C-alpha atoms as a PDB file:
ATOM      1  CA  UNK A   1     -28.992  21.667  42.800  1.00  0.00           C
ATOM      2  CA  UNK A   2     -26.094  21.415  42.252  1.00  0.00           C
ATOM      3  CA  UNK A   3     -24.329  22.368  38.864  1.00  0.00           C
ATOM      4  CA  UNK A   4     -22.744  19.652  37.284  1.00  0.00           C
ATOM      5  CA  UNK A   5     -19.954  20.702  34.886  1.00  0.00           C
ATOM      6  CA  UNK A   6     -19.493  17.942  31.954  1.00  0.00           C
ATOM      7  CA  UNK A   7     -15.905  16.734  31.258  1.00  0.00           C
ATOM      8  CA  UNK A   8     -14.933  18.289  27.607  1.00  0.00           C
ATOM      9  CA  UNK A   9     -16.098  15.234  25.245  1.00  0.00           C
ATOM     10  CA  UNK A  10     -13.326  16.088  22.864  1.00  0.00           C
ATOM     11  CA  UNK A  11     -11.300  14.731  25.244  1.00  0.00           C
ATOM     12  CA  UNK A  12     -12.506  11.142  24.642  1.00  0.00           C
ATOM     13  CA  UNK A  13     -10.005  10.704  22.298  1.00  0.00           C
ATOM     14  CA  UNK A  14     -11.340   7.135  21.293  1.00  0.00           C
ATOM     15  CA  UNK A  15     -14.262   8.061  20.944  1.00  0.00           C
ATOM     16  CA  UNK A  16     -14.024  10.898  18.783  1.00  0.00           C
ATOM     17  CA  UNK A  17     -11.439   8.990  16.334  1.00  0.00           C
ATOM     18  CA  UNK A  18     -14.395   5.893  16.455  1.00  0.00           C
ATOM     19  CA  UNK A  19     -16.755   7.817  15.696  1.00  0.00           C
ATOM     20  CA  UNK A  20     -14.653   9.516  12.632  1.00  0.00           C
ATOM     21  CA  UNK A  21     -13.435   6.955  10.627  1.00  0.00           C
ATOM     22  CA  UNK A  22     -17.286   5.034  10.919  1.00  0.00           C
ATOM     23  CA  UNK A  23     -18.293   8.465   9.301  1.00  0.00           C
ATOM     24  CA  UNK A  24     -14.923   8.962   6.772  1.00  0.00           C
ATOM     25  CA  UNK A  25     -16.029   5.880   5.185  1.00  0.00           C
ATOM     26  CA  UNK A  26     -19.482   6.055   4.862  1.00  0.00           C
ATOM     27  CA  UNK A  27     -21.362   7.789   1.868  1.00  0.00           C
ATOM     28  CA  UNK A  28     -21.423  12.061   2.129  1.00  0.00           C
ATOM     29  CA  UNK A  29     -24.668  12.043   2.937  1.00  0.00           C
ATOM     30  CA  UNK A  30     -25.100   9.499   5.066  1.00  0.00           C
ATOM     31  CA  UNK A  31     -22.315  10.557   6.983  1.00  0.00           C
ATOM     32  CA  UNK A  32     -24.264  13.936   7.649  1.00  0.00           C
ATOM     33  CA  UNK A  33     -26.905  11.715   9.217  1.00  0.00           C
ATOM     34  CA  UNK A  34     -24.390   9.861  11.157  1.00  0.00           C
ATOM     35  CA  UNK A  35     -22.494  12.755  12.634  1.00  0.00           C
ATOM     36  CA  UNK A  36     -26.031  14.570  13.248  1.00  0.00           C
ATOM     37  CA  UNK A  37     -26.846  11.499  15.326  1.00  0.00           C
ATOM     38  CA  UNK A  38     -23.710  11.083  17.141  1.00  0.00           C
ATOM     39  CA  UNK A  39     -24.468  14.525  18.081  1.00  0.00           C
ATOM     40  CA  UNK A  40     -27.944  14.152  19.176  1.00  0.00           C
ATOM     41  CA  UNK A  41     -27.421  11.016  21.565  1.00  0.00           C
ATOM     42  CA  UNK A  42     -24.539  12.468  23.250  1.00  0.00           C
ATOM     43  CA  UNK A  43     -26.638  15.952  24.330  1.00  0.00           C
ATOM     44  CA  UNK A  44     -29.897  13.627  25.158  1.00  0.00           C
ATOM     45  CA  UNK A  45     -27.348  12.449  27.493  1.00  0.00           C
ATOM     46  CA  UNK A  46     -25.637  15.368  29.017  1.00  0.00           C
ATOM     47  CA  UNK A  47     -29.733  16.650  29.656  1.00  0.00           C
ATOM     48  CA  UNK A  48     -30.408  13.227  31.407  1.00  0.00           C
ATOM     49  CA  UNK A  49     -28.041  14.100  32.986  1.00  0.00           C
ATOM     50  CA  UNK A  50     -28.629  17.557  34.252  1.00  0.00           C
ATOM     51  CA  UNK A  51     -25.958  19.450  32.428  1.00  0.00           C
ATOM     52  CA  UNK A  52     -27.337  23.343  31.837  1.00  0.00           C
ATOM     53  CA  UNK A  53     -28.346  23.585  28.282  1.00  0.00           C
ATOM     54  CA  UNK A  54     -25.679  26.577  26.948  1.00  0.00           C
ATOM     55  CA  UNK A  55     -22.679  24.214  28.381  1.00  0.00           C
ATOM     56  CA  UNK A  56     -24.956  21.038  26.376  1.00  0.00           C
ATOM     57  CA  UNK A  57     -24.798  23.655  23.198  1.00  0.00           C
ATOM     58  CA  UNK A  58     -20.777  24.202  24.003  1.00  0.00           C
ATOM     59  CA  UNK A  59     -20.068  20.400  23.715  1.00  0.00           C
ATOM     60  CA  UNK A  60     -22.557  19.399  21.289  1.00  0.00           C
ATOM     61  CA  UNK A  61     -20.223  22.422  19.013  1.00  0.00           C
ATOM     62  CA  UNK A  62     -16.951  21.070  20.328  1.00  0.00           C
ATOM     63  CA  UNK A  63     -17.583  17.385  19.894  1.00  0.00           C
ATOM     64  CA  UNK A  64     -18.965  18.248  16.256  1.00  0.00           C
ATOM     65  CA  UNK A  65     -15.729  20.368  15.661  1.00  0.00           C
ATOM     66  CA  UNK A  66     -14.023  17.876  16.826  1.00  0.00           C
ATOM     67  CA  UNK A  67     -14.574  14.682  14.381  1.00  0.00           C
ATOM     68  CA  UNK A  68     -14.878  17.489  11.648  1.00  0.00           C
ATOM     69  CA  UNK A  69     -11.803  17.869  12.016  1.00  0.00           C
ATOM     70  CA  UNK A  70     -10.882  13.886  12.864  1.00  0.00           C
ATOM     71  CA  UNK A  71     -12.557  13.130   9.349  1.00  0.00           C
ATOM     72  CA  UNK A  72     -10.948  15.888   7.180  1.00  0.00           C
ATOM     73  CA  UNK A  73      -7.368  14.288   8.746  1.00  0.00           C
ATOM     74  CA  UNK A  74      -8.340  11.205   7.965  1.00  0.00           C
ATOM     75  CA  UNK A  75      -9.574  12.204   3.948  1.00  0.00           C
ATOM     76  CA  UNK A  76      -7.411  14.749   3.114  1.00  0.00           C
ATOM     77  CA  UNK A  77      -4.091  14.163   4.964  1.00  0.00           C
ATOM     78  CA  UNK A  78      -3.701  10.361   5.510  1.00  0.00           C
ATOM     79  CA  UNK A  79      -6.074   9.227   2.525  1.00  0.00           C
ATOM     80  CA  UNK A  80      -7.499   6.638   4.278  1.00  0.00           C
ATOM     81  CA  UNK A  81     -10.592   6.751   2.526  1.00  0.00           C
ATOM     82  CA  UNK A  82     -12.415   7.557  -0.183  1.00  0.00           C
END
């Protein structure tokens, strides 16, 4: 069996920026659901591709952190939404 190493999802800048912008515009309760759904879709995709569970967990945490950071940057630093 081959070992599959995923390309770090946080390097997919367009993906992170697009999702952060969408989530930042949502109501707080809805935003958390959107973020959870986004991460779950990526986790399921990685699992289907045969990526090891430990790598999936690491990538899911990295994605969540990247999106949350970008949301924070949009809302607090730039004040684009509110």
